[in-house]
Amino acid sequence: MNEEKTAGHDALMTRIQQVMARIELKDDPCTAAYKRFGAANVANATEAVLHLAGAVVVKQGRKYLADYAGVGLTKELLDAVETNNANFVEELTTGKEAENERQAATDARIEAANALYEELVKLCAAGNTGWRFEDETKAKEYVVDHAAPADAAKPAGTAA
């Protein structure tokens, strides 16, 4: 799947940033205490990194909730990150399922078209065989030339 930003991506990123803004009120971003939340630069994170950051922020936030309550970290903020993370994963899963279904439909169309082509080749061979000894011009109308361009394969007398 491509790395386009979705509504779920943006919502999760915003929630993580809300939590990290509160953490930053107490701890400088260069400190180990800040970095233990694992959410550095979520604005440029891939889908997998963003999901992991959300999970780590929630786990660490709950672990250190009492330490950061004075700067506004709440259970509700962490619950919101967790909910947005679950929604984000569901959105990714739904998108991947749709992508797989489109690919399966494309494969089915290709298989059907190939089967039709094989049938056309058989019918043309039968037509060529039927006319080969009676009318060479008509027999040539039933030849499928795999190397010829599409226009050259059209029977004589048909519109281009």
Protein backbone atom coordinates (compact mmCIF):
# COMPACT_ATOMS: atom_id res chain seq x y z
CA MET A 1 0.00 0.00 0.00
CA ASN A 2 1.25 3.53 -0.65
CA GLU A 3 2.27 5.91 2.10
CA GLU A 4 -0.43 8.53 1.52
CA LYS A 5 -1.61 10.24 4.66
CA THR A 6 -5.18 9.31 5.58
CA ALA A 7 -7.66 10.75 8.05
CA GLY A 8 -6.74 8.00 10.51
CA HIS A 9 -3.05 8.75 10.09
CA ASP A 10 -3.59 12.45 10.76
CA ALA A 11 -5.88 11.82 13.75
CA LEU A 12 -3.38 9.44 15.37
CA MET A 13 -0.47 11.79 14.70
CA THR A 14 -2.38 14.69 16.26
CA ARG A 15 -3.26 12.68 19.38
CA ILE A 16 0.34 11.56 19.83
CA GLN A 17 1.53 15.14 19.41
CA GLN A 18 -0.98 16.29 22.05
CA VAL A 19 0.46 13.83 24.54
CA MET A 20 4.06 14.65 23.63
CA ALA A 21 3.41 18.38 24.02
CA ARG A 22 2.51 17.70 27.64
CA ILE A 23 5.56 15.48 28.15
CA GLU A 24 7.72 18.27 26.74
CA LEU A 25 6.41 20.64 29.41
CA LYS A 26 8.26 18.53 31.96
CA ASP A 27 11.09 16.88 29.99
CA ASP A 28 13.35 18.34 27.31
CA PRO A 29 13.13 16.41 24.00
CA CYS A 30 16.86 15.59 24.29
CA THR A 31 16.42 13.67 27.54
CA ALA A 32 16.01 9.94 27.97
CA ALA A 33 12.80 10.57 29.92
CA TYR A 34 11.25 12.20 26.85
CA LYS A 35 12.68 9.69 24.39
CA ARG A 36 11.27 6.72 26.31
CA PHE A 37 7.89 7.63 24.79
CA GLY A 38 9.26 6.71 21.36
CA ALA A 39 7.42 9.41 19.45
CA ALA A 40 10.16 11.56 17.95
CA ASN A 41 9.23 13.12 14.61
CA VAL A 42 5.87 11.38 14.13
CA ALA A 43 4.99 13.96 11.48
CA ASN A 44 7.28 12.12 9.03
CA ALA A 45 6.71 8.60 10.32
CA THR A 46 5.76 5.69 8.10
CA GLU A 47 2.54 3.81 8.82
CA ALA A 48 4.33 1.12 10.82
CA VAL A 49 6.43 3.59 12.81
CA LEU A 50 3.37 5.73 13.58
CA HIS A 51 1.42 2.70 14.80
CA LEU A 52 4.31 1.60 17.00
CA ALA A 53 4.74 5.15 18.34
CA GLY A 54 1.07 5.23 19.29
CA ALA A 55 1.37 1.95 21.17
CA VAL A 56 4.53 3.03 22.99
CA VAL A 57 3.09 6.44 23.93
CA VAL A 58 0.05 4.76 25.48
CA LYS A 59 2.12 2.14 27.34
CA GLN A 60 4.64 4.65 28.68
CA GLY A 61 1.96 7.25 29.36
CA ARG A 62 0.04 4.83 31.56
CA LYS A 63 3.22 3.73 33.27
CA TYR A 64 4.21 7.32 34.11
CA LEU A 65 0.76 8.91 34.33
CA ALA A 66 1.24 10.07 37.91
CA ASP A 67 4.57 11.73 37.02
CA TYR A 68 2.99 13.78 34.21
CA ALA A 69 -0.45 14.51 35.67
CA GLY A 70 0.78 17.94 36.76
CA VAL A 71 1.43 18.96 33.13
CA GLY A 72 -1.95 17.78 31.86
CA LEU A 73 -1.42 14.14 30.90
CA THR A 74 -4.67 12.30 31.53
CA LYS A 75 -6.08 8.82 31.09
CA GLU A 76 -8.54 10.30 28.56
CA LEU A 77 -5.69 11.60 26.38
CA LEU A 78 -4.03 8.19 26.42
CA ASP A 79 -7.35 6.46 25.70
CA ALA A 80 -7.80 8.78 22.71
CA VAL A 81 -4.36 7.79 21.36
CA GLU A 82 -5.22 4.13 21.83
CA THR A 83 -8.60 4.51 20.09
CA ASN A 84 -7.07 6.45 17.20
CA ASN A 85 -4.34 3.84 16.88
CA ALA A 86 -6.93 1.05 16.63
CA ASN A 87 -8.91 3.07 14.07
CA PHE A 88 -5.73 3.70 12.09
CA VAL A 89 -4.93 -0.02 11.95
CA GLU A 90 -8.51 -0.78 10.90
CA GLU A 91 -8.27 1.85 8.16
CA LEU A 92 -5.01 0.32 6.91
CA THR A 93 -6.49 -3.17 7.00
CA THR A 94 -9.60 -2.09 5.11
CA GLY A 95 -7.46 -0.34 2.51
CA LYS A 96 -5.24 -3.38 2.04
CA GLU A 97 -8.30 -5.64 1.69
CA ALA A 98 -9.73 -3.34 -0.99
CA GLU A 99 -6.40 -3.32 -2.80
CA ASN A 100 -6.27 -7.14 -2.72
CA GLU A 101 -9.86 -7.38 -3.99
CA ARG A 102 -9.06 -5.02 -6.89
CA GLN A 103 -6.05 -7.14 -7.77
CA ALA A 104 -8.12 -10.33 -7.63
CA ALA A 105 -10.72 -8.75 -9.93
CA THR A 106 -7.99 -7.66 -12.34
CA ASP A 107 -6.52 -11.16 -12.35
CA ALA A 108 -9.97 -12.65 -13.03
CA ARG A 109 -10.48 -10.26 -15.98
CA ILE A 110 -7.07 -11.18 -17.39
CA GLU A 111 -7.82 -14.89 -17.08
CA ALA A 112 -11.21 -14.42 -18.78
CA ALA A 113 -9.65 -12.39 -21.58
CA ASN A 114 -6.94 -15.01 -22.07
CA ALA A 115 -9.58 -17.76 -22.25
CA LEU A 116 -11.50 -15.75 -24.86
CA TYR A 117 -8.32 -15.23 -26.85
CA GLU A 118 -7.55 -18.96 -26.74
CA GLU A 119 -11.08 -19.68 -27.99
CA LEU A 120 -10.67 -17.10 -30.76
CA VAL A 121 -7.40 -18.72 -31.86
CA LYS A 122 -9.12 -22.13 -32.01
CA LEU A 123 -12.05 -20.73 -34.02
CA CYS A 124 -9.69 -18.96 -36.40
CA ALA A 125 -7.69 -22.15 -36.87
CA ALA A 126 -10.92 -23.98 -37.70
CA GLY A 127 -11.93 -21.24 -40.17
CA ASN A 128 -8.50 -21.28 -41.76
CA THR A 129 -8.62 -25.07 -42.11
CA GLY A 130 -12.12 -24.91 -43.63
CA TRP A 131 -11.13 -22.40 -46.31
CA ARG A 132 -7.50 -23.36 -46.93
CA PHE A 133 -8.19 -25.60 -49.94
CA GLU A 134 -11.18 -23.68 -51.34
CA ASP A 135 -10.31 -19.96 -51.11
CA GLU A 136 -6.83 -18.86 -49.98
CA THR A 137 -7.97 -15.23 -49.47
CA LYS A 138 -10.74 -16.27 -47.07
CA ALA A 139 -8.39 -18.69 -45.32
CA LYS A 140 -5.95 -15.82 -44.61
CA GLU A 141 -8.75 -13.90 -42.88
CA TYR A 142 -8.71 -16.58 -40.18
CA VAL A 143 -5.00 -16.36 -39.37
CA VAL A 144 -4.02 -14.94 -35.98
CA ASP A 145 -0.53 -13.52 -36.34
CA HIS A 146 0.91 -13.11 -32.86
CA ALA A 147 3.70 -10.80 -34.09
CA ALA A 148 1.49 -8.49 -36.17
CA PRO A 149 0.04 -5.22 -34.82
CA ALA A 150 -3.64 -5.25 -33.83
CA ASP A 151 -4.78 -3.50 -37.05
CA ALA A 152 -3.01 -6.08 -39.26
CA ALA A 153 -4.91 -8.94 -37.58
CA LYS A 154 -8.31 -7.57 -38.60
CA PRO A 155 -10.10 -9.48 -41.37
CA ALA A 156 -10.21 -7.86 -44.79
CA GLY A 157 -13.20 -5.64 -45.39
CA THR A 158 -13.64 -4.50 -41.79
CA ALA A 159 -13.46 -0.89 -40.68
CA ALA A 160 -10.23 0.22 -39.05
